[in-house]
C-alpha atoms as a PDB file:
ATOM      1  CA  MET A   1     126.767 104.641  90.322  1.00  0.00           C
ATOM      2  CA  ALA A   2     123.977 104.901  92.838  1.00  0.00           C
ATOM      3  CA  LYS A   3     120.506 103.981  91.759  1.00  0.00           C
ATOM      4  CA  MET A   4     118.403 107.082  92.109  1.00  0.00           C
ATOM      5  CA  MET A   5     114.821 107.253  93.192  1.00  0.00           C
ATOM      6  CA  SER A   6     112.243 109.830  93.966  1.00  0.00           C
ATOM      7  CA  GLU A   7     111.443 110.717  97.567  1.00  0.00           C
ATOM      8  CA  GLU A   8     108.269 109.144  98.777  1.00  0.00           C
ATOM      9  CA  SER A   9     105.413 111.578  98.680  1.00  0.00           C
ATOM     10  CA  ALA A  10     104.464 113.349 101.907  1.00  0.00           C
ATOM     11  CA  PRO A  11     101.856 111.348 103.796  1.00  0.00           C
ATOM     12  CA  MET A  12      98.439 112.634 104.747  1.00  0.00           C
ATOM     13  CA  ARG A  13      97.816 114.005 108.208  1.00  0.00           C
ATOM     14  CA  HIS A  14      95.775 110.950 109.117  1.00  0.00           C
ATOM     15  CA  ILE A  15      96.860 107.481 108.073  1.00  0.00           C
ATOM     16  CA  ASP A  16      94.192 105.496 106.296  1.00  0.00           C
ATOM     17  CA  LEU A  17      94.350 101.911 107.420  1.00  0.00           C
ATOM     18  CA  GLY A  18      91.333 100.901 105.359  1.00  0.00           C
ATOM     19  CA  SER A  19      88.420  98.972 106.782  1.00  0.00           C
ATOM     20  CA  PRO A  20      89.007  98.030 110.418  1.00  0.00           C
ATOM     21  CA  PRO A  21      89.467  94.334 111.186  1.00  0.00           C
ATOM     22  CA  PRO A  22      86.965  92.545 113.424  1.00  0.00           C
ATOM     23  CA  LEU A  23      87.308  93.713 117.009  1.00  0.00           C
ATOM     24  CA  GLU A  24      88.528  90.441 118.432  1.00  0.00           C
ATOM     25  CA  PRO A  25      91.617  90.136 120.598  1.00  0.00           C
ATOM     26  CA  PRO A  26      94.656  88.777 118.743  1.00  0.00           C
ATOM     27  CA  ALA A  27      95.929  85.352 119.616  1.00  0.00           C
ATOM     28  CA  ALA A  28      97.696  85.232 122.949  1.00  0.00           C
ATOM     29  CA  GLY A  29     101.456  85.180 123.155  1.00  0.00           C
ATOM     30  CA  TYR A  30     104.319  87.462 122.279  1.00  0.00           C
ATOM     31  CA  ARG A  31     105.442  86.699 118.762  1.00  0.00           C
ATOM     32  CA  PHE A  32     108.308  89.089 118.089  1.00  0.00           C
ATOM     33  CA  PRO A  33     110.688  87.378 115.639  1.00  0.00           C
ATOM     34  CA  GLY A  34     114.124  86.295 116.729  1.00  0.00           C
ATOM     35  CA  PRO A  35     117.407  87.568 115.256  1.00  0.00           C
ATOM     36  CA  PRO A  36     118.197  86.636 111.656  1.00  0.00           C
ATOM     37  CA  PRO A  37     120.475  83.703 110.835  1.00  0.00           C
ATOM     38  CA  PRO A  38     124.183  84.468 110.277  1.00  0.00           C
ATOM     39  CA  ASN A  39     123.993  83.605 106.578  1.00  0.00           C
ATOM     40  CA  TYR A  40     121.404  85.705 104.782  1.00  0.00           C
ATOM     41  CA  SER A  41     118.305  84.019 103.457  1.00  0.00           C
ATOM     42  CA  CYS A  42     115.318  86.157 102.545  1.00  0.00           C
ATOM     43  CA  THR A  43     112.431  85.719 105.001  1.00  0.00           C
ATOM     44  CA  LEU A  44     109.987  88.084 103.305  1.00  0.00           C
ATOM     45  CA  THR A  45     106.608  86.784 102.204  1.00  0.00           C
ATOM     46  CA  PRO A  46     105.677  87.197  98.520  1.00  0.00           C
ATOM     47  CA  GLU A  47     103.460  90.119  99.558  1.00  0.00           C
ATOM     48  CA  LEU A  48     106.345  91.873 101.313  1.00  0.00           C
ATOM     49  CA  VAL A  49     108.680  91.176  98.399  1.00  0.00           C
ATOM     50  CA  ALA A  50     106.170  92.968  96.181  1.00  0.00           C
ATOM     51  CA  LYS A  51     105.860  95.818  98.696  1.00  0.00           C
ATOM     52  CA  ALA A  52     109.634  96.211  98.916  1.00  0.00           C
ATOM     53  CA  ARG A  53     109.832  96.311  95.120  1.00  0.00           C
ATOM     54  CA  GLU A  54     107.170  99.022  94.900  1.00  0.00           C
ATOM     55  CA  GLU A  55     108.121 101.199  97.882  1.00  0.00           C
ATOM     56  CA  LEU A  56     111.859 100.606  98.314  1.00  0.00           C
ATOM     57  CA  GLN A  57     113.011  99.925  94.751  1.00  0.00           C
ATOM     58  CA  GLU A  58     114.225  96.499  95.934  1.00  0.00           C
ATOM     59  CA  LYS A  59     114.541  93.919  93.204  1.00  0.00           C
ATOM     60  CA  PRO A  60     115.041  90.368  94.534  1.00  0.00           C
ATOM     61  CA  GLU A  61     117.136  89.385  91.546  1.00  0.00           C
ATOM     62  CA  TRP A  62     119.524  92.308  92.230  1.00  0.00           C
ATOM     63  CA  ARG A  63     119.420  92.271  96.041  1.00  0.00           C
ATOM     64  CA  LEU A  64     122.762  90.581  96.713  1.00  0.00           C
ATOM     65  CA  ARG A  65     124.419  92.478  93.884  1.00  0.00           C
ATOM     66  CA  ASP A  66     123.306  95.727  95.543  1.00  0.00           C
ATOM     67  CA  VAL A  67     124.609  94.551  98.912  1.00  0.00           C
ATOM     68  CA  GLN A  68     127.962  93.752  97.341  1.00  0.00           C
ATOM     69  CA  ALA A  69     128.070  97.200  95.729  1.00  0.00           C
ATOM     70  CA  LEU A  70     127.588  98.866  99.122  1.00  0.00           C
ATOM     71  CA  ARG A  71     130.170  96.552 100.679  1.00  0.00           C
ATOM     72  CA  ASP A  72     132.667  97.508  97.975  1.00  0.00           C
ATOM     73  CA  MET A  73     131.998 101.215  98.615  1.00  0.00           C
ATOM     74  CA  VAL A  74     132.737 100.785 102.318  1.00  0.00           C
ATOM     75  CA  LEU A  75     135.948  98.851 101.663  1.00  0.00           C
ATOM     76  CA  LYS A  76     137.134 101.374  99.084  1.00  0.00           C
ATOM     77  CA  GLU A  77     136.103 104.665 100.698  1.00  0.00           C
ATOM     78  CA  GLN A  78     136.427 103.787 104.403  1.00  0.00           C
ATOM     79  CA  PRO A  79     138.828 100.833 104.637  1.00  0.00           C
ATOM     80  CA  ASN A  80     139.500 101.529 108.340  1.00  0.00           C
ATOM     81  CA  LEU A  81     135.837 101.511 109.362  1.00  0.00           C
ATOM     82  CA  ARG A  82     135.202  98.623 111.735  1.00  0.00           C
ATOM     83  CA  THR A  83     131.648  97.799 110.829  1.00  0.00           C
ATOM     84  CA  ARG A  84     129.636  94.715 110.080  1.00  0.00           C
ATOM     85  CA  LEU A  85     129.646  93.942 106.374  1.00  0.00           C
ATOM     86  CA  ASP A  86     127.347  90.936 106.304  1.00  0.00           C
ATOM     87  CA  ASP A  87     124.382  90.906 103.928  1.00  0.00           C
ATOM     88  CA  ALA A  88     121.651  91.197 106.574  1.00  0.00           C
ATOM     89  CA  PHE A  89     123.258  94.222 108.222  1.00  0.00           C
ATOM     90  CA  LEU A  90     123.952  96.167 105.019  1.00  0.00           C
ATOM     91  CA  LEU A  91     120.440  95.463 103.748  1.00  0.00           C
ATOM     92  CA  ARG A  92     119.040  97.552 106.605  1.00  0.00           C
ATOM     93  CA  PHE A  93     120.775 100.636 105.241  1.00  0.00           C
ATOM     94  CA  LEU A  94     119.899  99.969 101.620  1.00  0.00           C
ATOM     95  CA  ARG A  95     116.214  99.515 102.449  1.00  0.00           C
ATOM     96  CA  ALA A  96     116.153 102.620 104.638  1.00  0.00           C
ATOM     97  CA  ARG A  97     117.450 104.674 101.694  1.00  0.00           C
ATOM     98  CA  LYS A  98     115.552 102.897  98.918  1.00  0.00           C
ATOM     99  CA  PHE A  99     118.653 101.215  97.508  1.00  0.00           C
ATOM    100  CA  ASP A 100     120.447 104.458  96.722  1.00  0.00           C
ATOM    101  CA  TYR A 101     124.038 103.387  97.327  1.00  0.00           C
ATOM    102  CA  ASP A 102     125.379 106.847  98.166  1.00  0.00           C
ATOM    103  CA  ARG A 103     122.622 107.644 100.657  1.00  0.00           C
ATOM    104  CA  ALA A 104     122.911 104.187 102.222  1.00  0.00           C
ATOM    105  CA  MET A 105     126.656 104.732 102.636  1.00  0.00           C
ATOM    106  CA  GLN A 106     126.042 108.126 104.249  1.00  0.00           C
ATOM    107  CA  LEU A 107     123.513 106.589 106.621  1.00  0.00           C
ATOM    108  CA  LEU A 108     125.993 103.890 107.631  1.00  0.00           C
ATOM    109  CA  LEU A 109     128.627 106.531 108.433  1.00  0.00           C
ATOM    110  CA  ASN A 110     126.061 108.606 110.336  1.00  0.00           C
ATOM    111  CA  TYR A 111     125.113 105.498 112.303  1.00  0.00           C
ATOM    112  CA  HIS A 112     128.665 105.073 113.583  1.00  0.00           C
ATOM    113  CA  THR A 113     129.337 108.804 113.997  1.00  0.00           C
ATOM    114  CA  SER A 114     126.383 109.241 116.338  1.00  0.00           C
ATOM    115  CA  ARG A 115     127.712 106.459 118.549  1.00  0.00           C
ATOM    116  CA  ARG A 116     131.059 108.200 118.967  1.00  0.00           C
ATOM    117  CA  ALA A 117     129.543 111.657 119.504  1.00  0.00           C
ATOM    118  CA  TRP A 118     127.229 110.723 122.366  1.00  0.00           C
ATOM    119  CA  PRO A 119     129.188 108.520 124.798  1.00  0.00           C
ATOM    120  CA  GLU A 120     126.611 109.076 127.572  1.00  0.00           C
ATOM    121  CA  VAL A 121     124.189 107.055 125.444  1.00  0.00           C
ATOM    122  CA  PHE A 122     126.370 104.587 123.582  1.00  0.00           C
ATOM    123  CA  GLN A 123     129.141 103.638 125.980  1.00  0.00           C
ATOM    124  CA  ASP A 124     128.565 100.180 127.484  1.00  0.00           C
ATOM    125  CA  LEU A 125     125.189 100.047 125.744  1.00  0.00           C
ATOM    126  CA  LYS A 126     123.394  96.863 126.760  1.00  0.00           C
ATOM    127  CA  PRO A 127     119.942  96.026 128.141  1.00  0.00           C
ATOM    128  CA  SER A 128     121.039  95.398 131.741  1.00  0.00           C
ATOM    129  CA  THR A 129     122.126  99.049 132.005  1.00  0.00           C
ATOM    130  CA  ILE A 130     118.603 100.318 131.273  1.00  0.00           C
ATOM    131  CA  LYS A 131     116.609  97.809 133.341  1.00  0.00           C
ATOM    132  CA  HIS A 132     115.501 100.648 135.629  1.00  0.00           C
ATOM    133  CA  VAL A 133     113.971 102.432 132.628  1.00  0.00           C
ATOM    134  CA  LEU A 134     112.091  99.296 131.615  1.00  0.00           C
ATOM    135  CA  ASP A 135     110.946  98.661 135.195  1.00  0.00           C
ATOM    136  CA  LEU A 136     109.580 102.211 135.382  1.00  0.00           C
ATOM    137  CA  GLY A 137     107.358 101.554 132.373  1.00  0.00           C
ATOM    138  CA  PHE A 138     108.824 104.309 130.201  1.00  0.00           C
ATOM    139  CA  LEU A 139     108.521 102.242 127.018  1.00  0.00           C
ATOM    140  CA  THR A 140     107.346  98.990 125.556  1.00  0.00           C
ATOM    141  CA  VAL A 141     106.494  97.473 122.189  1.00  0.00           C
ATOM    142  CA  LEU A 142     102.921  96.322 121.722  1.00  0.00           C
ATOM    143  CA  PRO A 143     102.846  92.572 121.084  1.00  0.00           C
ATOM    144  CA  HIS A 144     100.991  92.684 117.768  1.00  0.00           C
ATOM    145  CA  PRO A 145     101.719  94.788 114.672  1.00  0.00           C
ATOM    146  CA  ASP A 146      99.044  96.922 113.048  1.00  0.00           C
ATOM    147  CA  PRO A 147      97.253  95.794 109.849  1.00  0.00           C
ATOM    148  CA  ASN A 148     100.131  97.231 107.818  1.00  0.00           C
ATOM    149  CA  GLY A 149     102.603  94.972 109.638  1.00  0.00           C
ATOM    150  CA  ARG A 150     104.171  97.819 111.627  1.00  0.00           C
ATOM    151  CA  TYR A 151     105.190  97.227 115.232  1.00  0.00           C
ATOM    152  CA  ILE A 152     104.088  99.941 117.645  1.00  0.00           C
ATOM    153  CA  LEU A 153     106.628 101.496 120.002  1.00  0.00           C
ATOM    154  CA  CYS A 154     104.707 102.840 122.994  1.00  0.00           C
ATOM    155  CA  LEU A 155     106.387 105.659 124.956  1.00  0.00           C
ATOM    156  CA  ARG A 156     105.099 107.085 128.250  1.00  0.00           C
ATOM    157  CA  PRO A 157     107.259 110.139 129.067  1.00  0.00           C
ATOM    158  CA  GLY A 158     105.140 110.980 132.116  1.00  0.00           C
ATOM    159  CA  LYS A 159     106.508 107.911 133.891  1.00  0.00           C
ATOM    160  CA  TRP A 160     109.935 109.558 134.118  1.00  0.00           C
ATOM    161  CA  LYS A 161     110.885 112.350 136.515  1.00  0.00           C
ATOM    162  CA  ALA A 162     114.048 114.410 136.208  1.00  0.00           C
ATOM    163  CA  ASN A 163     115.374 113.222 139.573  1.00  0.00           C
ATOM    164  CA  ASP A 164     114.838 109.523 138.744  1.00  0.00           C
ATOM    165  CA  TYR A 165     117.892 109.119 136.498  1.00  0.00           C
ATOM    166  CA  PRO A 166     119.576 111.018 133.610  1.00  0.00           C
ATOM    167  CA  PHE A 167     117.440 111.721 130.547  1.00  0.00           C
ATOM    168  CA  GLU A 168     120.050 109.967 128.411  1.00  0.00           C
ATOM    169  CA  ASP A 169     119.014 106.635 129.949  1.00  0.00           C
ATOM    170  CA  ASN A 170     115.643 107.002 128.207  1.00  0.00           C
ATOM    171  CA  ILE A 171     117.457 107.493 124.900  1.00  0.00           C
ATOM    172  CA  ARG A 172     119.547 104.387 125.598  1.00  0.00           C
ATOM    173  CA  ALA A 173     116.350 102.379 126.107  1.00  0.00           C
ATOM    174  CA  ILE A 174     114.788 103.753 122.921  1.00  0.00           C
ATOM    175  CA  TYR A 175     117.925 103.022 120.905  1.00  0.00           C
ATOM    176  CA  LEU A 176     118.224  99.441 122.133  1.00  0.00           C
ATOM    177  CA  THR A 177     114.550  98.932 121.332  1.00  0.00           C
ATOM    178  CA  LEU A 178     115.033 100.249 117.801  1.00  0.00           C
ATOM    179  CA  GLU A 179     118.041  97.973 117.337  1.00  0.00           C
ATOM    180  CA  LYS A 180     115.922  94.997 118.292  1.00  0.00           C
ATOM    181  CA  LEU A 181     112.957  96.107 116.191  1.00  0.00           C
ATOM    182  CA  ILE A 182     115.029  96.530 113.030  1.00  0.00           C
ATOM    183  CA  GLN A 183     116.328  92.958 113.049  1.00  0.00           C
ATOM    184  CA  PRO A 184     113.341  91.311 111.300  1.00  0.00           C
ATOM    185  CA  GLU A 185     113.144  91.992 107.591  1.00  0.00           C
ATOM    186  CA  GLU A 186     109.431  92.660 107.978  1.00  0.00           C
ATOM    187  CA  THR A 187     110.206  95.790 110.019  1.00  0.00           C
ATOM    188  CA  GLN A 188     112.808  96.945 107.509  1.00  0.00           C
ATOM    189  CA  VAL A 189     110.104  96.938 104.833  1.00  0.00           C
ATOM    190  CA  ASN A 190     107.031  97.964 106.838  1.00  0.00           C
ATOM    191  CA  GLY A 191     108.600 100.469 109.228  1.00  0.00           C
ATOM    192  CA  ILE A 192     107.293 101.200 112.713  1.00  0.00           C
ATOM    193  CA  VAL A 193     104.694 103.412 114.379  1.00  0.00           C
ATOM    194  CA  ILE A 194     105.245 105.395 117.578  1.00  0.00           C
ATOM    195  CA  LEU A 195     102.499 105.909 120.142  1.00  0.00           C
ATOM    196  CA  ALA A 196     103.463 108.504 122.762  1.00  0.00           C
ATOM    197  CA  ASP A 197     101.181 108.905 125.778  1.00  0.00           C
ATOM    198  CA  TYR A 198     101.885 112.253 127.474  1.00  0.00           C
ATOM    199  CA  THR A 199      99.735 111.580 130.529  1.00  0.00           C
ATOM    200  CA  GLY A 200     101.467 113.079 133.574  1.00  0.00           C
ATOM    201  CA  VAL A 201     103.982 115.183 131.626  1.00  0.00           C
ATOM    202  CA  GLY A 202     104.651 118.488 133.353  1.00  0.00           C
ATOM    203  CA  LEU A 203     107.123 121.309 133.131  1.00  0.00           C
ATOM    204  CA  SER A 204     110.081 119.355 134.530  1.00  0.00           C
ATOM    205  CA  GLN A 205     109.876 116.631 131.892  1.00  0.00           C
ATOM    206  CA  ALA A 206     109.071 119.055 129.088  1.00  0.00           C
ATOM    207  CA  SER A 207     111.990 121.372 129.745  1.00  0.00           C
ATOM    208  CA  ASN A 208     114.632 118.811 130.661  1.00  0.00           C
ATOM    209  CA  PRO A 209     116.078 117.768 127.267  1.00  0.00           C
ATOM    210  CA  GLY A 210     116.323 121.257 125.740  1.00  0.00           C
ATOM    211  CA  PRO A 211     117.189 122.028 122.104  1.00  0.00           C
ATOM    212  CA  PHE A 212     120.731 120.648 122.339  1.00  0.00           C
ATOM    213  CA  LEU A 213     119.637 117.129 123.279  1.00  0.00           C
ATOM    214  CA  ALA A 214     116.489 117.341 121.163  1.00  0.00           C
ATOM    215  CA  LYS A 215     118.613 118.050 118.112  1.00  0.00           C
ATOM    216  CA  LYS A 216     120.789 115.016 118.848  1.00  0.00           C
ATOM    217  CA  VAL A 217     117.790 112.728 119.307  1.00  0.00           C
ATOM    218  CA  VAL A 218     116.122 113.890 116.091  1.00  0.00           C
ATOM    219  CA  SER A 219     119.392 113.629 114.168  1.00  0.00           C
ATOM    220  CA  ILE A 220     119.773 110.004 115.246  1.00  0.00           C
ATOM    221  CA  LEU A 221     116.195 109.019 114.408  1.00  0.00           C
ATOM    222  CA  GLN A 222     116.046 110.863 111.069  1.00  0.00           C
ATOM    223  CA  ASP A 223     119.549 110.644 109.709  1.00  0.00           C
ATOM    224  CA  SER A 224     121.528 108.065 111.654  1.00  0.00           C
ATOM    225  CA  PHE A 225     119.411 104.959 112.110  1.00  0.00           C
ATOM    226  CA  PRO A 226     118.155 102.561 109.398  1.00  0.00           C
ATOM    227  CA  ILE A 227     114.487 102.464 110.349  1.00  0.00           C
ATOM    228  CA  ARG A 228     111.363 103.912 108.733  1.00  0.00           C
ATOM    229  CA  ILE A 229     109.172 105.787 111.223  1.00  0.00           C
ATOM    230  CA  LYS A 230     105.825 105.885 109.454  1.00  0.00           C
ATOM    231  CA  ALA A 231     103.732 107.757 112.043  1.00  0.00           C
ATOM    232  CA  VAL A 232     104.041 109.394 115.466  1.00  0.00           C
ATOM    233  CA  ASN A 233     100.747 109.407 117.348  1.00  0.00           C
ATOM    234  CA  ILE A 234     100.591 111.735 120.367  1.00  0.00           C
ATOM    235  CA  ILE A 235      97.797 111.237 122.885  1.00  0.00           C
ATOM    236  CA  ASN A 236      96.819 112.950 126.134  1.00  0.00           C
ATOM    237  CA  GLU A 237      99.178 115.811 125.391  1.00  0.00           C
ATOM    238  CA  PRO A 238      98.847 118.741 127.816  1.00  0.00           C
ATOM    239  CA  ARG A 239      98.821 122.380 126.734  1.00  0.00           C
ATOM    240  CA  ILE A 240     102.511 122.425 127.486  1.00  0.00           C
ATOM    241  CA  PHE A 241     103.098 120.125 124.498  1.00  0.00           C
ATOM    242  CA  LYS A 242     103.040 123.185 122.238  1.00  0.00           C
ATOM    243  CA  GLY A 243     106.262 124.224 123.933  1.00  0.00           C
ATOM    244  CA  ILE A 244     107.716 120.717 123.650  1.00  0.00           C
ATOM    245  CA  PHE A 245     106.953 120.547 119.940  1.00  0.00           C
ATOM    246  CA  ALA A 246     108.420 124.033 119.493  1.00  0.00           C
ATOM    247  CA  ILE A 247     111.736 122.566 120.681  1.00  0.00           C
ATOM    248  CA  ILE A 248     111.556 119.540 118.385  1.00  0.00           C
ATOM    249  CA  LYS A 249     109.992 120.875 115.186  1.00  0.00           C
ATOM    250  CA  PRO A 250     112.909 123.024 113.928  1.00  0.00           C
ATOM    251  CA  PHE A 251     115.001 119.861 113.631  1.00  0.00           C
ATOM    252  CA  LEU A 252     112.360 117.759 111.856  1.00  0.00           C
ATOM    253  CA  LYS A 253     112.310 117.334 108.112  1.00  0.00           C
ATOM    254  CA  GLU A 254     109.024 118.392 106.570  1.00  0.00           C
ATOM    255  CA  LYS A 255     108.056 114.822 105.734  1.00  0.00           C
ATOM    256  CA  MET A 256     108.623 113.685 109.311  1.00  0.00           C
ATOM    257  CA  ALA A 257     106.846 116.688 110.827  1.00  0.00           C
ATOM    258  CA  GLU A 258     103.760 115.816 108.780  1.00  0.00           C
ATOM    259  CA  ARG A 259     103.723 112.339 110.328  1.00  0.00           C
ATOM    260  CA  TYR A 260     103.013 113.718 113.792  1.00  0.00           C
ATOM    261  CA  VAL A 261      99.321 113.340 114.640  1.00  0.00           C
ATOM    262  CA  LEU A 262      97.986 114.977 117.817  1.00  0.00           C
ATOM    263  CA  HIS A 263      94.903 113.239 119.218  1.00  0.00           C
ATOM    264  CA  GLY A 264      94.485 114.841 122.629  1.00  0.00           C
ATOM    265  CA  SER A 265      92.158 112.669 124.693  1.00  0.00           C
ATOM    266  CA  ASP A 266      90.079 111.661 121.648  1.00  0.00           C
ATOM    267  CA  LEU A 267      90.496 107.896 121.442  1.00  0.00           C
ATOM    268  CA  ARG A 268      88.246 107.743 118.380  1.00  0.00           C
ATOM    269  CA  SER A 269      90.838 109.850 116.577  1.00  0.00           C
ATOM    270  CA  LEU A 270      93.568 107.454 117.709  1.00  0.00           C
ATOM    271  CA  HIS A 271      91.552 104.460 116.491  1.00  0.00           C
ATOM    272  CA  ARG A 272      91.382 105.958 113.001  1.00  0.00           C
ATOM    273  CA  ASN A 273      95.162 105.604 112.907  1.00  0.00           C
ATOM    274  CA  ILE A 274      95.779 102.532 115.072  1.00  0.00           C
ATOM    275  CA  PRO A 275      92.863 100.074 115.173  1.00  0.00           C
ATOM    276  CA  ARG A 276      91.424  98.890 118.467  1.00  0.00           C
ATOM    277  CA  SER A 277      92.266  95.278 117.600  1.00  0.00           C
ATOM    278  CA  VAL A 278      95.962  95.813 118.389  1.00  0.00           C
ATOM    279  CA  LEU A 279      95.652  98.398 121.172  1.00  0.00           C
ATOM    280  CA  PRO A 280      95.525  97.565 124.890  1.00  0.00           C
ATOM    281  CA  GLU A 281      92.450  98.317 126.952  1.00  0.00           C
ATOM    282  CA  GLU A 282      94.134 101.404 128.412  1.00  0.00           C
ATOM    283  CA  TYR A 283      93.810 103.033 124.983  1.00  0.00           C
ATOM    284  CA  GLY A 284      90.338 101.778 124.157  1.00  0.00           C
ATOM    285  CA  GLY A 285      91.553  98.588 122.506  1.00  0.00           C
ATOM    286  CA  VAL A 286      90.641  94.933 122.895  1.00  0.00           C
ATOM    287  CA  ALA A 287      94.131  93.377 123.069  1.00  0.00           C
ATOM    288  CA  GLY A 288      94.232  92.964 126.845  1.00  0.00           C
ATOM    289  CA  HIS A 289      95.935  95.139 129.429  1.00  0.00           C
ATOM    290  CA  LEU A 290      99.147  96.987 128.632  1.00  0.00           C
ATOM    291  CA  ASP A 291     101.957  94.553 129.456  1.00  0.00           C
ATOM    292  CA  MET A 292     105.391  96.067 130.005  1.00  0.00           C
ATOM    293  CA  SER A 293     107.106  92.805 130.984  1.00  0.00           C
ATOM    294  CA  ALA A 294     107.150  90.961 127.646  1.00  0.00           C
ATOM    295  CA  TRP A 295     109.253  93.519 125.787  1.00  0.00           C
ATOM    296  CA  SER A 296     111.486  94.013 128.803  1.00  0.00           C
ATOM    297  CA  LYS A 297     112.209  90.272 128.797  1.00  0.00           C
ATOM    298  CA  THR A 298     112.855  90.358 125.028  1.00  0.00           C
ATOM    299  CA  LEU A 299     115.536  93.005 125.493  1.00  0.00           C
ATOM    300  CA  LEU A 300     117.092  91.591 128.644  1.00  0.00           C
ATOM    301  CA  ASP A 301     117.321  88.147 127.031  1.00  0.00           C
ATOM    302  CA  SER A 302     119.391  89.762 124.251  1.00  0.00           C
ATOM    303  CA  GLU A 303     122.176  90.888 126.586  1.00  0.00           C
ATOM    304  CA  GLU A 304     124.982  88.879 124.975  1.00  0.00           C
ATOM    305  CA  GLU A 305     123.864  89.896 121.500  1.00  0.00           C
ATOM    306  CA  PHE A 306     124.159  93.591 122.386  1.00  0.00           C
ATOM    307  CA  ILE A 307     127.499  93.135 124.112  1.00  0.00           C
ATOM    308  CA  VAL A 308     128.901  91.756 120.862  1.00  0.00           C
ATOM    309  CA  GLU A 309     127.299  94.585 118.885  1.00  0.00           C
ATOM    310  CA  PHE A 310     128.092  97.634 121.026  1.00  0.00           C
ATOM    311  CA  CYS A 311     130.650  96.893 123.727  1.00  0.00           C
ATOM    312  CA  GLN A 312     133.597  96.877 121.333  1.00  0.00           C
ATOM    313  CA  PRO A 313     136.428  99.307 120.441  1.00  0.00           C
ATOM    314  CA  ASP A 314     135.493 102.508 118.638  1.00  0.00           C
ATOM    315  CA  PRO A 315     134.590 101.502 115.039  1.00  0.00           C
ATOM    316  CA  LEU A 316     135.688 104.950 113.791  1.00  0.00           C
ATOM    317  CA  GLU A 317     139.232 104.840 115.144  1.00  0.00           C
ATOM    318  CA  GLY A 318     141.518 105.847 112.274  1.00  0.00           C
ATOM    319  CA  VAL A 319     138.595 106.896 110.052  1.00  0.00           C
ATOM    320  CA  VAL A 320     138.639 110.379 108.480  1.00  0.00           C
ATOM    321  CA  LEU A 321     135.136 111.816 108.173  1.00  0.00           C
ATOM    322  CA  PRO A 322     134.028 114.934 106.289  1.00  0.00           C
ATOM    323  CA  ASP A 323     133.051 118.005 108.329  1.00  0.00           C
ATOM    324  CA  SER A 324     129.509 117.776 106.982  1.00  0.00           C
ATOM    325  CA  MET A 325     128.775 114.637 109.020  1.00  0.00           C
ATOM    326  CA  PRO A 326     126.173 114.919 111.789  1.00  0.00           C
ATOM    327  CA  PHE A 327     127.766 115.849 115.123  1.00  0.00           C
ATOM    328  CA  GLN A 328     131.036 116.650 113.316  1.00  0.00           C
ATOM    329  CA  GLY A 329     132.609 120.083 113.574  1.00  0.00           C
ATOM    330  CA  GLN A 330     130.438 121.301 116.475  1.00  0.00           C
ATOM    331  CA  GLN A 331     131.908 124.427 117.957  1.00  0.00           C
ATOM    332  CA  PRO A 332     132.470 124.554 121.702  1.00  0.00           C
ATOM    333  CA  GLY A 333     130.009 127.439 121.889  1.00  0.00           C
ATOM    334  CA  GLY A 334     127.267 125.386 120.254  1.00  0.00           C
ATOM    335  CA  ALA A 335     125.795 124.167 123.495  1.00  0.00           C
ATOM    336  CA  ALA A 336     125.782 127.671 124.925  1.00  0.00           C
ATOM    337  CA  GLN A 337     123.953 128.975 121.867  1.00  0.00           C
ATOM    338  CA  ASP A 338     121.377 126.235 122.288  1.00  0.00           C
ATOM    339  CA  ASP A 339     120.998 127.226 125.935  1.00  0.00           C
ATOM    340  CA  ASP A 340     120.310 130.814 124.879  1.00  0.00           C
ATOM    341  CA  THR A 341     117.647 129.582 122.478  1.00  0.00           C
ATOM    342  CA  PHE A 342     116.208 127.419 125.215  1.00  0.00           C
ATOM    343  CA  ARG A 343     115.701 130.381 127.537  1.00  0.00           C
ATOM    344  CA  GLY A 344     113.157 131.821 125.123  1.00  0.00           C
ATOM    345  CA  LEU A 345     111.441 128.470 124.659  1.00  0.00           C
ATOM    346  CA  ARG A 346     111.366 127.851 128.404  1.00  0.00           C
ATOM    347  CA  SER A 347     109.370 131.049 128.870  1.00  0.00           C
ATOM    348  CA  GLN A 348     106.894 129.669 126.312  1.00  0.00           C
ATOM    349  CA  LEU A 349     106.650 126.464 128.325  1.00  0.00           C
ATOM    350  CA  TYR A 350     105.847 128.372 131.504  1.00  0.00           C
ATOM    351  CA  TYR A 351     103.202 130.361 129.649  1.00  0.00           C
ATOM    352  CA  CYS A 352     101.570 127.220 128.223  1.00  0.00           C
ATOM    353  CA  TYR A 353     101.730 125.463 131.578  1.00  0.00           C
END
């Protein structure tokens, strides 16, 4: 029987990080942890063990018992599912759903279902196929976590133009980045923060995804990936962002929608959420210039690791999934209906622009 827990309370509009640390640049060097060892051994500090107990209902003395319970559920309910069943992998799903076995199992199925349903993103998914996205500077991960231990995924949508390459390539880059970020146990407990800089975003970028793709992206991030997104900070958003958010918001759960913080060009507002000590100079920080190359190298150096993980036969072959699964049971007319909805939203975008 699944252990039940209460949903975490909705966060405040602004995230209180407490007293800011001294404004001195962090130590030089990129310190992102490497992949975990094949045989699980807890790497959490005593402080993070206590945090996981309080926030995730994770009890160290029951941890491996809980992993075995989820493993047994997979083997019993989905014996044909070709998925990793090692401790470290299953722990990601348990932590993301606060050790509720049933919800962790659902998340694991969603994780594999999304990969089958969006072949443009997941087929042949490996870092070398998105090098052009990395070279363009569309995304990076800041080298130092915030005071709460959360790594910061920095997105710059204005760097991409619709005629550069398909929008799905951006999603491939984001997904590979999330896969790398979720490896360390620290991230599984602390979660991540997103910083999206909308400098240079115009009508072509804003209107390109549309509701159909937006719904898929949100479904993956909210319901199909074992990561905790603790805040989404939007800066330098143009007036047109109202139209962009109008496309996204209907698909966001209330808790996630409340984690979006719009700062405009007010860097002081941003610094109340992400301290200057971990931000690059481009965003009023003291951690040096924004460096896109370090994270790019981290991903590209993981090529073989991702080939093993993603370039394999369909893990769902022979698996019977319920119609209620994300992406399951979509009617052929669904995309057309989304296009109709998009026509109305596109007029809003033109008006805002």
